[in-house]
Amino acid sequence: MTSKVDEALGYEQARDELIEVVRRLEAGGTTLEESLALWERGEELAKVCRRWLEGARARLDAALAEESQEQEKDAGSGSE
Protein backbone atom coordinates (compact mmCIF):
# COMPACT_ATOMS: atom_id res chain seq x y z
CA MET A 1 0.00 0.00 0.00
CA THR A 2 1.36 3.42 -0.90
CA SER A 3 1.69 6.12 1.72
CA LYS A 4 0.24 9.63 1.66
CA VAL A 5 3.73 10.92 0.78
CA ASP A 6 3.83 8.60 -2.24
CA GLU A 7 0.40 9.84 -3.31
CA ALA A 8 1.79 13.39 -3.45
CA LEU A 9 4.78 12.41 -5.61
CA GLY A 10 4.69 13.65 -9.15
CA TYR A 11 5.42 11.23 -11.97
CA GLU A 12 8.91 12.57 -12.59
CA GLN A 13 9.83 12.45 -8.90
CA ALA A 14 8.62 8.86 -8.54
CA ARG A 15 10.34 7.82 -11.78
CA ASP A 16 13.65 9.40 -10.76
CA GLU A 17 13.56 7.75 -7.34
CA LEU A 18 12.67 4.42 -8.96
CA ILE A 19 15.66 4.75 -11.29
CA GLU A 20 17.90 5.34 -8.27
CA VAL A 21 16.44 2.32 -6.45
CA VAL A 22 17.08 0.10 -9.47
CA ARG A 23 20.61 1.46 -9.81
CA ARG A 24 21.35 0.64 -6.17
CA LEU A 25 19.91 -2.86 -6.49
CA GLU A 26 21.87 -3.55 -9.66
CA ALA A 27 25.09 -2.26 -8.11
CA GLY A 28 24.82 -4.79 -5.30
CA GLY A 29 26.75 -4.48 -2.09
CA THR A 30 23.65 -4.16 0.06
CA THR A 31 22.53 -6.57 2.73
CA LEU A 32 19.58 -8.84 2.15
CA GLU A 33 17.44 -6.66 4.42
CA GLU A 34 18.48 -3.48 2.57
CA SER A 35 17.83 -5.15 -0.78
CA LEU A 36 14.35 -6.20 0.32
CA ALA A 37 13.58 -2.68 1.56
CA LEU A 38 14.79 -1.24 -1.75
CA TRP A 39 12.71 -3.74 -3.71
CA GLU A 40 9.59 -2.89 -1.65
CA ARG A 41 10.19 0.83 -2.21
CA GLY A 42 10.64 0.18 -5.91
CA GLU A 43 7.30 -1.63 -6.04
CA GLU A 44 5.59 1.32 -4.34
CA LEU A 45 7.19 3.78 -6.74
CA ALA A 46 6.24 1.66 -9.74
CA LYS A 47 2.60 1.75 -8.58
CA VAL A 48 2.74 5.54 -8.31
CA CYS A 49 4.19 5.79 -11.83
CA ARG A 50 1.61 3.34 -13.18
CA ARG A 51 -1.26 5.40 -11.70
CA TRP A 52 0.12 8.58 -13.27
CA LEU A 53 0.48 6.89 -16.66
CA GLU A 54 -3.00 5.36 -16.47
CA GLY A 55 -4.41 8.79 -15.60
CA ALA A 56 -2.58 10.37 -18.52
CA ARG A 57 -3.87 7.65 -20.86
CA ALA A 58 -7.44 8.23 -19.65
CA ARG A 59 -7.11 11.98 -20.27
CA LEU A 60 -5.75 11.39 -23.77
CA ASP A 61 -8.48 8.88 -24.58
CA ALA A 62 -11.16 11.29 -23.35
CA ALA A 63 -9.72 14.16 -25.39
CA LEU A 64 -9.49 12.01 -28.52
CA ALA A 65 -13.04 10.72 -28.05
CA GLU A 66 -14.34 14.27 -27.62
CA GLU A 67 -12.50 15.41 -30.74
CA SER A 68 -13.87 12.46 -32.70
CA GLN A 69 -17.44 13.23 -31.57
CA GLU A 70 -17.05 16.87 -32.60
CA GLN A 71 -15.77 15.84 -36.03
CA GLU A 72 -18.67 13.42 -36.49
CA LYS A 73 -21.14 16.11 -35.44
CA ASP A 74 -19.55 18.61 -37.85
CA ALA A 75 -19.62 16.06 -40.68
CA GLY A 76 -23.26 15.22 -39.96
CA SER A 77 -24.42 18.84 -39.89
CA GLY A 78 -22.52 19.63 -43.09
CA SER A 79 -24.48 17.05 -45.10
CA GLU A 80 -27.86 18.57 -44.35
PDB file of N, CA and C in Angstrom:
ATOM      1  N   MET A   1       0.851  -1.190   0.000  1.00  0.00           N
ATOM      2  CA  MET A   1       0.000   0.000   0.000  1.00  0.00           C
ATOM      3  C   MET A   1       0.889   1.243   0.000  1.00  0.00           C
ATOM      4  N   THR A   2       0.550   2.208  -0.822  1.00  0.00           N
ATOM      5  CA  THR A   2       1.359   3.421  -0.904  1.00  0.00           C
ATOM      6  C   THR A   2       0.967   4.388   0.202  1.00  0.00           C
ATOM      7  N   SER A   3       1.931   5.169   0.643  1.00  0.00           N
ATOM      8  CA  SER A   3       1.687   6.123   1.716  1.00  0.00           C
ATOM      9  C   SER A   3       1.153   7.432   1.152  1.00  0.00           C
ATOM     10  N   LYS A   4       0.733   8.306   2.063  1.00  0.00           N
ATOM     11  CA  LYS A   4       0.245   9.628   1.657  1.00  0.00           C
ATOM     12  C   LYS A   4       1.353  10.415   0.955  1.00  0.00           C
ATOM     13  N   VAL A   5       2.597  10.230   1.404  1.00  0.00           N
ATOM     14  CA  VAL A   5       3.726  10.919   0.776  1.00  0.00           C
ATOM     15  C   VAL A   5       3.861  10.451  -0.667  1.00  0.00           C
ATOM     16  N   ASP A   6       3.742   9.136  -0.885  1.00  0.00           N
ATOM     17  CA  ASP A   6       3.834   8.605  -2.242  1.00  0.00           C
ATOM     18  C   ASP A   6       2.720   9.156  -3.121  1.00  0.00           C
ATOM     19  N   GLU A   7       1.533   9.322  -2.556  1.00  0.00           N
ATOM     20  CA  GLU A   7       0.398   9.840  -3.315  1.00  0.00           C
ATOM     21  C   GLU A   7       0.692  11.250  -3.826  1.00  0.00           C
ATOM     22  N   ALA A   8       1.489  12.006  -3.073  1.00  0.00           N
ATOM     23  CA  ALA A   8       1.786  13.388  -3.446  1.00  0.00           C
ATOM     24  C   ALA A   8       2.944  13.487  -4.438  1.00  0.00           C
ATOM     25  N   LEU A   9       3.652  12.378  -4.673  1.00  0.00           N
ATOM     26  CA  LEU A   9       4.775  12.413  -5.607  1.00  0.00           C
ATOM     27  C   LEU A   9       4.285  12.635  -7.025  1.00  0.00           C
ATOM     28  N   GLY A  10       4.969  13.489  -7.732  1.00  0.00           N
ATOM     29  CA  GLY A  10       4.691  13.645  -9.149  1.00  0.00           C
ATOM     30  C   GLY A  10       5.302  12.480  -9.910  1.00  0.00           C
ATOM     31  N   TYR A  11       4.904  12.333 -11.160  1.00  0.00           N
ATOM     32  CA  TYR A  11       5.416  11.230 -11.970  1.00  0.00           C
ATOM     33  C   TYR A  11       6.939  11.280 -12.074  1.00  0.00           C
ATOM     34  N   GLU A  12       7.470  12.450 -12.393  1.00  0.00           N
ATOM     35  CA  GLU A  12       8.909  12.569 -12.591  1.00  0.00           C
ATOM     36  C   GLU A  12       9.683  12.270 -11.315  1.00  0.00           C
ATOM     37  N   GLN A  13       9.161  12.724 -10.172  1.00  0.00           N
ATOM     38  CA  GLN A  13       9.826  12.449  -8.896  1.00  0.00           C
ATOM     39  C   GLN A  13       9.852  10.948  -8.621  1.00  0.00           C
ATOM     40  N   ALA A  14       8.708  10.301  -8.794  1.00  0.00           N
ATOM     41  CA  ALA A  14       8.622   8.858  -8.543  1.00  0.00           C
ATOM     42  C   ALA A  14       9.518   8.092  -9.510  1.00  0.00           C
ATOM     43  N   ARG A  15       9.509   8.493 -10.776  1.00  0.00           N
ATOM     44  CA  ARG A  15      10.341   7.824 -11.781  1.00  0.00           C
ATOM     45  C   ARG A  15      11.821   7.964 -11.444  1.00  0.00           C
ATOM     46  N   ASP A  16      12.236   9.174 -11.082  1.00  0.00           N
ATOM     47  CA  ASP A  16      13.645   9.403 -10.764  1.00  0.00           C
ATOM     48  C   ASP A  16      14.078   8.598  -9.539  1.00  0.00           C
ATOM     49  N   GLU A  17      13.218   8.545  -8.526  1.00  0.00           N
ATOM     50  CA  GLU A  17      13.557   7.755  -7.340  1.00  0.00           C
ATOM     51  C   GLU A  17      13.591   6.269  -7.685  1.00  0.00           C
ATOM     52  N   LEU A  18      12.682   5.825  -8.530  1.00  0.00           N
ATOM     53  CA  LEU A  18      12.670   4.424  -8.958  1.00  0.00           C
ATOM     54  C   LEU A  18      13.956   4.077  -9.710  1.00  0.00           C
ATOM     55  N   ILE A  19      14.402   4.972 -10.563  1.00  0.00           N
ATOM     56  CA  ILE A  19      15.664   4.752 -11.287  1.00  0.00           C
ATOM     57  C   ILE A  19      16.818   4.591 -10.301  1.00  0.00           C
ATOM     58  N   GLU A  20      16.839   5.419  -9.274  1.00  0.00           N
ATOM     59  CA  GLU A  20      17.896   5.336  -8.268  1.00  0.00           C
ATOM     60  C   GLU A  20      17.816   4.021  -7.490  1.00  0.00           C
ATOM     61  N   VAL A  21      16.614   3.590  -7.152  1.00  0.00           N
ATOM     62  CA  VAL A  21      16.437   2.315  -6.447  1.00  0.00           C
ATOM     63  C   VAL A  21      16.968   1.168  -7.301  1.00  0.00           C
ATOM     64  N   VAL A  22      16.610   1.157  -8.567  1.00  0.00           N
ATOM     65  CA  VAL A  22      17.076   0.098  -9.470  1.00  0.00           C
ATOM     66  C   VAL A  22      18.597   0.133  -9.588  1.00  0.00           C
ATOM     67  N   ARG A  23      19.154   1.319  -9.712  1.00  0.00           N
ATOM     68  CA  ARG A  23      20.606   1.456  -9.809  1.00  0.00           C
ATOM     69  C   ARG A  23      21.291   0.854  -8.585  1.00  0.00           C
ATOM     70  N   ARG A  24      20.754   1.159  -7.408  1.00  0.00           N
ATOM     71  CA  ARG A  24      21.349   0.637  -6.169  1.00  0.00           C
ATOM     72  C   ARG A  24      21.224  -0.876  -6.088  1.00  0.00           C
ATOM     73  N   LEU A  25      20.083  -1.409  -6.502  1.00  0.00           N
ATOM     74  CA  LEU A  25      19.912  -2.864  -6.486  1.00  0.00           C
ATOM     75  C   LEU A  25      20.862  -3.543  -7.465  1.00  0.00           C
ATOM     76  N   GLU A  26      20.992  -2.969  -8.653  1.00  0.00           N
ATOM     77  CA  GLU A  26      21.874  -3.555  -9.663  1.00  0.00           C
ATOM     78  C   GLU A  26      23.345  -3.467  -9.264  1.00  0.00           C
ATOM     79  N   ALA A  27      23.706  -2.429  -8.530  1.00  0.00           N
ATOM     80  CA  ALA A  27      25.094  -2.255  -8.106  1.00  0.00           C
ATOM     81  C   ALA A  27      25.498  -3.297  -7.064  1.00  0.00           C
ATOM     82  N   GLY A  28      24.512  -3.801  -6.332  1.00  0.00           N
ATOM     83  CA  GLY A  28      24.818  -4.793  -5.305  1.00  0.00           C
ATOM     84  C   GLY A  28      25.476  -4.149  -4.105  1.00  0.00           C
ATOM     85  N   GLY A  29      26.054  -4.991  -3.260  1.00  0.00           N
ATOM     86  CA  GLY A  29      26.752  -4.479  -2.091  1.00  0.00           C
ATOM     87  C   GLY A  29      25.848  -4.128  -0.931  1.00  0.00           C
ATOM     88  N   THR A  30      24.567  -4.428  -1.046  1.00  0.00           N
ATOM     89  CA  THR A  30      23.649  -4.161   0.060  1.00  0.00           C
ATOM     90  C   THR A  30      23.323  -5.476   0.754  1.00  0.00           C
ATOM     91  N   THR A  31      22.930  -5.371   1.998  1.00  0.00           N
ATOM     92  CA  THR A  31      22.533  -6.570   2.733  1.00  0.00           C
ATOM     93  C   THR A  31      21.201  -7.070   2.190  1.00  0.00           C
ATOM     94  N   LEU A  32      20.858  -8.275   2.573  1.00  0.00           N
ATOM     95  CA  LEU A  32      19.576  -8.839   2.154  1.00  0.00           C
ATOM     96  C   LEU A  32      18.431  -7.949   2.628  1.00  0.00           C
ATOM     97  N   GLU A  33      18.507  -7.508   3.864  1.00  0.00           N
ATOM     98  CA  GLU A  33      17.443  -6.657   4.416  1.00  0.00           C
ATOM     99  C   GLU A  33      17.339  -5.338   3.649  1.00  0.00           C
ATOM    100  N   GLU A  34      18.479  -4.726   3.343  1.00  0.00           N
ATOM    101  CA  GLU A  34      18.480  -3.481   2.566  1.00  0.00           C
ATOM    102  C   GLU A  34      17.928  -3.715   1.159  1.00  0.00           C
ATOM    103  N   SER A  35      18.321  -4.828   0.564  1.00  0.00           N
ATOM    104  CA  SER A  35      17.827  -5.150  -0.777  1.00  0.00           C
ATOM    105  C   SER A  35      16.319  -5.333  -0.781  1.00  0.00           C
ATOM    106  N   LEU A  36      15.799  -6.016   0.231  1.00  0.00           N
ATOM    107  CA  LEU A  36      14.345  -6.200   0.324  1.00  0.00           C
ATOM    108  C   LEU A  36      13.631  -4.870   0.510  1.00  0.00           C
ATOM    109  N   ALA A  37      14.191  -3.998   1.343  1.00  0.00           N
ATOM    110  CA  ALA A  37      13.583  -2.680   1.557  1.00  0.00           C
ATOM    111  C   ALA A  37      13.605  -1.873   0.263  1.00  0.00           C
ATOM    112  N   LEU A  38      14.710  -1.943  -0.468  1.00  0.00           N
ATOM    113  CA  LEU A  38      14.789  -1.237  -1.749  1.00  0.00           C
ATOM    114  C   LEU A  38      13.775  -1.801  -2.736  1.00  0.00           C
ATOM    115  N   TRP A  39      13.664  -3.107  -2.794  1.00  0.00           N
ATOM    116  CA  TRP A  39      12.707  -3.742  -3.707  1.00  0.00           C
ATOM    117  C   TRP A  39      11.277  -3.306  -3.370  1.00  0.00           C
ATOM    118  N   GLU A  40      10.936  -3.313  -2.065  1.00  0.00           N
ATOM    119  CA  GLU A  40       9.593  -2.891  -1.651  1.00  0.00           C
ATOM    120  C   GLU A  40       9.344  -1.438  -2.038  1.00  0.00           C
ATOM    121  N   ARG A  41      10.332  -0.587  -1.834  1.00  0.00           N
ATOM    122  CA  ARG A  41      10.193   0.826  -2.208  1.00  0.00           C
ATOM    123  C   ARG A  41      10.016   0.952  -3.716  1.00  0.00           C
ATOM    124  N   GLY A  42      10.776   0.171  -4.462  1.00  0.00           N
ATOM    125  CA  GLY A  42      10.644   0.180  -5.914  1.00  0.00           C
ATOM    126  C   GLY A  42       9.250  -0.215  -6.362  1.00  0.00           C
ATOM    127  N   GLU A  43       8.670  -1.214  -5.710  1.00  0.00           N
ATOM    128  CA  GLU A  43       7.303  -1.633  -6.042  1.00  0.00           C
ATOM    129  C   GLU A  43       6.313  -0.497  -5.783  1.00  0.00           C
ATOM    130  N   GLU A  44       6.468   0.195  -4.655  1.00  0.00           N
ATOM    131  CA  GLU A  44       5.587   1.324  -4.337  1.00  0.00           C
ATOM    132  C   GLU A  44       5.722   2.424  -5.384  1.00  0.00           C
ATOM    133  N   LEU A  45       6.952   2.731  -5.743  1.00  0.00           N
ATOM    134  CA  LEU A  45       7.189   3.783  -6.735  1.00  0.00           C
ATOM    135  C   LEU A  45       6.644   3.389  -8.103  1.00  0.00           C
ATOM    136  N   ALA A  46       6.778   2.128  -8.463  1.00  0.00           N
ATOM    137  CA  ALA A  46       6.240   1.657  -9.740  1.00  0.00           C
ATOM    138  C   ALA A  46       4.722   1.816  -9.772  1.00  0.00           C
ATOM    139  N   LYS A  47       4.059   1.568  -8.646  1.00  0.00           N
ATOM    140  CA  LYS A  47       2.603   1.749  -8.575  1.00  0.00           C
ATOM    141  C   LYS A  47       2.227   3.215  -8.776  1.00  0.00           C
ATOM    142  N   VAL A  48       2.997   4.103  -8.155  1.00  0.00           N
ATOM    143  CA  VAL A  48       2.738   5.540  -8.314  1.00  0.00           C
ATOM    144  C   VAL A  48       2.885   5.929  -9.784  1.00  0.00           C
ATOM    145  N   CYS A  49       3.964   5.478 -10.409  1.00  0.00           N
ATOM    146  CA  CYS A  49       4.191   5.790 -11.830  1.00  0.00           C
ATOM    147  C   CYS A  49       3.070   5.222 -12.691  1.00  0.00           C
ATOM    148  N   ARG A  50       2.675   3.987 -12.410  1.00  0.00           N
ATOM    149  CA  ARG A  50       1.607   3.342 -13.184  1.00  0.00           C
ATOM    150  C   ARG A  50       0.306   4.142 -13.083  1.00  0.00           C
ATOM    151  N   ARG A  51      -0.023   4.603 -11.865  1.00  0.00           N
ATOM    152  CA  ARG A  51      -1.255   5.397 -11.698  1.00  0.00           C
ATOM    153  C   ARG A  51      -1.186   6.687 -12.509  1.00  0.00           C
ATOM    154  N   TRP A  52      -0.037   7.356 -12.478  1.00  0.00           N
ATOM    155  CA  TRP A  52       0.122   8.581 -13.270  1.00  0.00           C
ATOM    156  C   TRP A  52      -0.056   8.293 -14.753  1.00  0.00           C
ATOM    157  N   LEU A  53       0.572   7.223 -15.234  1.00  0.00           N
ATOM    158  CA  LEU A  53       0.480   6.890 -16.657  1.00  0.00           C
ATOM    159  C   LEU A  53      -0.932   6.482 -17.051  1.00  0.00           C
ATOM    160  N   GLU A  54      -1.617   5.734 -16.184  1.00  0.00           N
ATOM    161  CA  GLU A  54      -3.003   5.364 -16.469  1.00  0.00           C
ATOM    162  C   GLU A  54      -3.898   6.599 -16.506  1.00  0.00           C
ATOM    163  N   GLY A  55      -3.650   7.549 -15.604  1.00  0.00           N
ATOM    164  CA  GLY A  55      -4.413   8.790 -15.604  1.00  0.00           C
ATOM    165  C   GLY A  55      -4.163   9.606 -16.860  1.00  0.00           C
ATOM    166  N   ALA A  56      -2.910   9.642 -17.288  1.00  0.00           N
ATOM    167  CA  ALA A  56      -2.580  10.369 -18.519  1.00  0.00           C
ATOM    168  C   ALA A  56      -3.249   9.713 -19.715  1.00  0.00           C
ATOM    169  N   ARG A  57      -3.230   8.380 -19.763  1.00  0.00           N
ATOM    170  CA  ARG A  57      -3.870   7.651 -20.864  1.00  0.00           C
ATOM    171  C   ARG A  57      -5.376   7.935 -20.886  1.00  0.00           C
ATOM    172  N   ALA A  58      -6.003   7.954 -19.724  1.00  0.00           N
ATOM    173  CA  ALA A  58      -7.438   8.232 -19.654  1.00  0.00           C
ATOM    174  C   ALA A  58      -7.742   9.641 -20.162  1.00  0.00           C
ATOM    175  N   ARG A  59      -6.906  10.605 -19.794  1.00  0.00           N
ATOM    176  CA  ARG A  59      -7.114  11.978 -20.269  1.00  0.00           C
ATOM    177  C   ARG A  59      -6.961  12.066 -21.777  1.00  0.00           C
ATOM    178  N   LEU A  60      -5.947  11.389 -22.320  1.00  0.00           N
ATOM    179  CA  LEU A  60      -5.751  11.392 -23.775  1.00  0.00           C
ATOM    180  C   LEU A  60      -6.921  10.725 -24.487  1.00  0.00           C
ATOM    181  N   ASP A  61      -7.353   9.581 -23.965  1.00  0.00           N
ATOM    182  CA  ASP A  61      -8.481   8.877 -24.577  1.00  0.00           C
ATOM    183  C   ASP A  61      -9.739   9.741 -24.567  1.00  0.00           C
ATOM    184  N   ALA A  62      -9.982  10.431 -23.450  1.00  0.00           N
ATOM    185  CA  ALA A  62     -11.159  11.293 -23.351  1.00  0.00           C
ATOM    186  C   ALA A  62     -11.068  12.450 -24.343  1.00  0.00           C
ATOM    187  N   ALA A  63      -9.893  13.045 -24.456  1.00  0.00           N
ATOM    188  CA  ALA A  63      -9.719  14.164 -25.390  1.00  0.00           C
ATOM    189  C   ALA A  63      -9.895  13.698 -26.828  1.00  0.00           C
ATOM    190  N   LEU A  64      -9.351  12.540 -27.163  1.00  0.00           N
ATOM    191  CA  LEU A  64      -9.490  12.014 -28.522  1.00  0.00           C
ATOM    192  C   LEU A  64     -10.938  11.640 -28.827  1.00  0.00           C
ATOM    193  N   ALA A  65     -11.632  11.081 -27.848  1.00  0.00           N
ATOM    194  CA  ALA A  65     -13.035  10.722 -28.047  1.00  0.00           C
ATOM    195  C   ALA A  65     -13.881  11.974 -28.257  1.00  0.00           C
ATOM    196  N   GLU A  66     -13.605  13.013 -27.478  1.00  0.00           N
ATOM    197  CA  GLU A  66     -14.339  14.273 -27.621  1.00  0.00           C
ATOM    198  C   GLU A  66     -14.086  14.879 -28.993  1.00  0.00           C
ATOM    199  N   GLU A  67     -12.842  14.864 -29.428  1.00  0.00           N
ATOM    200  CA  GLU A  67     -12.496  15.407 -30.738  1.00  0.00           C
ATOM    201  C   GLU A  67     -13.188  14.619 -31.847  1.00  0.00           C
ATOM    202  N   SER A  68     -13.226  13.314 -31.702  1.00  0.00           N
ATOM    203  CA  SER A  68     -13.868  12.460 -32.698  1.00  0.00           C
ATOM    204  C   SER A  68     -15.368  12.744 -32.768  1.00  0.00           C
ATOM    205  N   GLN A  69     -16.003  12.921 -31.609  1.00  0.00           N
ATOM    206  CA  GLN A  69     -17.437  13.229 -31.573  1.00  0.00           C
ATOM    207  C   GLN A  69     -17.717  14.569 -32.238  1.00  0.00           C
ATOM    208  N   GLU A  70     -16.864  15.552 -31.989  1.00  0.00           N
ATOM    209  CA  GLU A  70     -17.055  16.867 -32.602  1.00  0.00           C
ATOM    210  C   GLU A  70     -16.910  16.782 -34.114  1.00  0.00           C
ATOM    211  N   GLN A  71     -15.955  15.999 -34.587  1.00  0.00           N
ATOM    212  CA  GLN A  71     -15.765  15.840 -36.027  1.00  0.00           C
ATOM    213  C   GLN A  71     -16.963  15.134 -36.658  1.00  0.00           C
ATOM    214  N   GLU A  72     -17.492  14.124 -35.972  1.00  0.00           N
ATOM    215  CA  GLU A  72     -18.667  13.419 -36.489  1.00  0.00           C
ATOM    216  C   GLU A  72     -19.876  14.349 -36.531  1.00  0.00           C
ATOM    217  N   LYS A  73     -20.022  15.176 -35.490  1.00  0.00           N
ATOM    218  CA  LYS A  73     -21.139  16.111 -35.445  1.00  0.00           C
ATOM    219  C   LYS A  73     -21.008  17.137 -36.567  1.00  0.00           C
ATOM    220  N   ASP A  74     -19.789  17.643 -36.771  1.00  0.00           N
ATOM    221  CA  ASP A  74     -19.554  18.607 -37.846  1.00  0.00           C
ATOM    222  C   ASP A  74     -19.817  17.978 -39.207  1.00  0.00           C
ATOM    223  N   ALA A  75     -19.400  16.750 -39.397  1.00  0.00           N
ATOM    224  CA  ALA A  75     -19.617  16.058 -40.675  1.00  0.00           C
ATOM    225  C   ALA A  75     -21.104  15.805 -40.900  1.00  0.00           C
ATOM    226  N   GLY A  76     -21.821  15.479 -39.844  1.00  0.00           N
ATOM    227  CA  GLY A  76     -23.256  15.221 -39.956  1.00  0.00           C
ATOM    228  C   GLY A  76     -24.050  16.477 -40.245  1.00  0.00           C
ATOM    229  N   SER A  77     -23.675  17.598 -39.661  1.00  0.00           N
ATOM    230  CA  SER A  77     -24.419  18.836 -39.892  1.00  0.00           C
ATOM    231  C   SER A  77     -24.049  19.457 -41.236  1.00  0.00           C
ATOM    232  N   GLY A  78     -22.926  19.098 -41.792  1.00  0.00           N
ATOM    233  CA  GLY A  78     -22.517  19.625 -43.088  1.00  0.00           C
ATOM    234  C   GLY A  78     -23.237  18.961 -44.239  1.00  0.00           C
ATOM    235  N   SER A  79     -23.811  17.780 -44.021  1.00  0.00           N
ATOM    236  CA  SER A  79     -24.479  17.049 -45.100  1.00  0.00           C
ATOM    237  C   SER A  79     -25.948  17.397 -45.208  1.00  0.00           C
ATOM    238  N   GLU A  80     -26.437  18.219 -44.310  1.00  0.00           N
ATOM    239  CA  GLU A  80     -27.865  18.566 -44.348  1.00  0.00           C
ATOM    240  C   GLU A  80     -28.148  19.712 -45.266  1.00  0.00           C
TER     241      GLU A  80
END
